Structures are given as C-alpha cells and as structure tokens.
C-alpha atoms as a PDB file:
ATOM      1  CA  UNK A   1      45.811  22.552 -37.408  1.00  0.00           C
ATOM      2  CA  UNK A   2      45.120  18.977 -36.323  1.00  0.00           C
ATOM      3  CA  UNK A   3      47.191  19.315 -33.147  1.00  0.00           C
ATOM      4  CA  UNK A   4      45.385  22.575 -32.282  1.00  0.00           C
ATOM      5  CA  UNK A   5      41.977  20.909 -32.692  1.00  0.00           C
ATOM      6  CA  UNK A   6      43.081  17.941 -30.579  1.00  0.00           C
ATOM      7  CA  UNK A   7      44.390  20.288 -27.879  1.00  0.00           C
ATOM      8  CA  UNK A   8      41.061  22.117 -27.802  1.00  0.00           C
ATOM      9  CA  UNK A   9      39.164  18.822 -27.633  1.00  0.00           C
ATOM     10  CA  UNK A  10      41.283  17.764 -24.663  1.00  0.00           C
ATOM     11  CA  UNK A  11      40.402  21.011 -22.902  1.00  0.00           C
ATOM     12  CA  UNK A  12      36.679  20.648 -23.617  1.00  0.00           C
ATOM     13  CA  UNK A  13      36.215  16.924 -22.965  1.00  0.00           C
ATOM     14  CA  UNK A  14      35.081  17.324 -19.343  1.00  0.00           C
ATOM     15  CA  UNK A  15      32.412  19.807 -20.400  1.00  0.00           C
ATOM     16  CA  UNK A  16      31.261  18.048 -23.591  1.00  0.00           C
ATOM     17  CA  UNK A  17      27.870  16.900 -22.265  1.00  0.00           C
ATOM     18  CA  UNK A  18      27.064  20.315 -20.799  1.00  0.00           C
ATOM     19  CA  UNK A  19      28.061  22.031 -24.050  1.00  0.00           C
ATOM     20  CA  UNK A  20      25.836  19.749 -26.110  1.00  0.00           C
ATOM     21  CA  UNK A  21      22.967  20.346 -23.671  1.00  0.00           C
ATOM     22  CA  UNK A  22      23.406  24.120 -24.023  1.00  0.00           C
ATOM     23  CA  UNK A  23      23.405  23.970 -27.814  1.00  0.00           C
ATOM     24  CA  UNK A  24      20.552  21.419 -27.642  1.00  0.00           C
ATOM     25  CA  UNK A  25      20.767  20.003 -31.171  1.00  0.00           C
ATOM     26  CA  UNK A  26      17.782  17.843 -32.091  1.00  0.00           C
ATOM     27  CA  UNK A  27      18.138  14.062 -31.956  1.00  0.00           C
ATOM     28  CA  UNK A  28      18.281  13.660 -35.741  1.00  0.00           C
ATOM     29  CA  UNK A  29      21.351  15.938 -35.852  1.00  0.00           C
ATOM     30  CA  UNK A  30      23.230  14.027 -33.132  1.00  0.00           C
ATOM     31  CA  UNK A  31      22.181  10.687 -34.618  1.00  0.00           C
ATOM     32  CA  UNK A  32      23.235   8.936 -31.417  1.00  0.00           C
ATOM     33  CA  UNK A  33      21.282   5.924 -30.132  1.00  0.00           C
ATOM     34  CA  UNK A  34      22.369   6.621 -26.545  1.00  0.00           C
ATOM     35  CA  UNK A  35      21.856  10.381 -26.618  1.00  0.00           C
ATOM     36  CA  UNK A  36      18.205  10.634 -27.588  1.00  0.00           C
ATOM     37  CA  UNK A  37      15.796  12.682 -25.519  1.00  0.00           C
ATOM     38  CA  UNK A  38      13.229   9.881 -25.264  1.00  0.00           C
ATOM     39  CA  UNK A  39      15.188   8.127 -22.500  1.00  0.00           C
ATOM     40  CA  UNK A  40      14.974   4.731 -24.246  1.00  0.00           C
ATOM     41  CA  UNK A  41      18.736   4.126 -24.128  1.00  0.00           C
ATOM     42  CA  UNK A  42      18.788   0.314 -24.368  1.00  0.00           C
ATOM     43  CA  UNK A  43      15.948   0.088 -26.886  1.00  0.00           C
ATOM     44  CA  UNK A  44      17.627   2.677 -29.130  1.00  0.00           C
ATOM     45  CA  UNK A  45      21.050   1.059 -28.777  1.00  0.00           C
ATOM     46  CA  UNK A  46      19.708  -2.417 -29.624  1.00  0.00           C
ATOM     47  CA  UNK A  47      17.810  -1.026 -32.619  1.00  0.00           C
ATOM     48  CA  UNK A  48      21.016   0.636 -33.876  1.00  0.00           C
ATOM     49  CA  UNK A  49      22.972  -2.609 -33.458  1.00  0.00           C
ATOM     50  CA  UNK A  50      20.389  -4.623 -35.377  1.00  0.00           C
ATOM     51  CA  UNK A  51      20.578  -2.232 -38.324  1.00  0.00           C
ATOM     52  CA  UNK A  52      24.137  -3.348 -39.081  1.00  0.00           C
ATOM     53  CA  UNK A  53      24.942  -5.958 -41.720  1.00  0.00           C
ATOM     54  CA  UNK A  54      25.377  -9.552 -40.543  1.00  0.00           C
ATOM     55  CA  UNK A  55      25.242  -8.576 -36.854  1.00  0.00           C
ATOM     56  CA  UNK A  56      23.449 -11.800 -35.906  1.00  0.00           C
ATOM     57  CA  UNK A  57      25.798 -14.084 -37.821  1.00  0.00           C
ATOM     58  CA  UNK A  58      28.653 -15.875 -36.116  1.00  0.00           C
ATOM     59  CA  UNK A  59      32.109 -14.417 -36.462  1.00  0.00           C
ATOM     60  CA  UNK A  60      34.460 -15.962 -39.028  1.00  0.00           C
ATOM     61  CA  UNK A  61      36.630 -17.409 -36.230  1.00  0.00           C
ATOM     62  CA  UNK A  62      33.702 -19.095 -34.431  1.00  0.00           C
ATOM     63  CA  UNK A  63      34.091 -22.574 -35.938  1.00  0.00           C
ATOM     64  CA  UNK A  64      37.757 -22.754 -34.944  1.00  0.00           C
ATOM     65  CA  UNK A  65      36.899 -21.671 -31.415  1.00  0.00           C
ATOM     66  CA  UNK A  66      33.973 -24.092 -31.085  1.00  0.00           C
ATOM     67  CA  UNK A  67      35.993 -27.110 -32.301  1.00  0.00           C
ATOM     68  CA  UNK A  68      39.146 -26.507 -30.252  1.00  0.00           C
ATOM     69  CA  UNK A  69      37.592 -25.501 -26.941  1.00  0.00           C
ATOM     70  CA  UNK A  70      38.624 -27.469 -23.850  1.00  0.00           C
ATOM     71  CA  UNK A  71      36.248 -29.906 -22.177  1.00  0.00           C
ATOM     72  CA  UNK A  72      34.863 -28.599 -18.900  1.00  0.00           C
ATOM     73  CA  UNK A  73      36.830 -30.071 -16.010  1.00  0.00           C
ATOM     74  CA  UNK A  74      39.727 -31.241 -18.182  1.00  0.00           C
ATOM     75  CA  UNK A  75      42.014 -28.346 -17.276  1.00  0.00           C
ATOM     76  CA  UNK A  76      43.789 -28.437 -13.941  1.00  0.00           C
ATOM     77  CA  UNK A  77      45.236 -25.448 -12.141  1.00  0.00           C
ATOM     78  CA  UNK A  78      49.021 -25.297 -11.920  1.00  0.00           C
ATOM     79  CA  UNK A  79      48.926 -23.232  -8.725  1.00  0.00           C
END
C-alpha cells in the first residue's frame, strides 16, 4: 500500500499546486504559512517560526563554536 501511494505521489508531484488550486481548500485546512491566499508569504512564515518553542535561543552547540572559532586573518590559504 505504501509503495502504491508513493508511486502515485511521484506521478502527481508536478501537478500538485494546480490540483490544490482546483480543490481550493480554505487556508485553515491547508495550515501552511507560505500557501495562504493573503499573499503575505514572509510575514506568515516569520509568524509561524516565532510560534515555535525556544526559536530565539542559541543552539546548544553555540558556546563551543563561539569559543573555538578562528581569529580573522589567522588562517592562511594552502593553495
């Protein structure tokens, strides 16, 4: 069953946008920040990103990266 669904998806992928436009589900059904009819792609995408947990906090690996980074100009090309 899974392989049949994946095969059908592969056949339909080039027409996916047109098929969704034909069906025309409302925005709340799609629940996609980049697919809303209001045309506010970047505003909607940024709003969706900010709704996540801890999205504005530094990654756990940040301190290691910040401490061990090379000094600008200290690396020389070997070419």
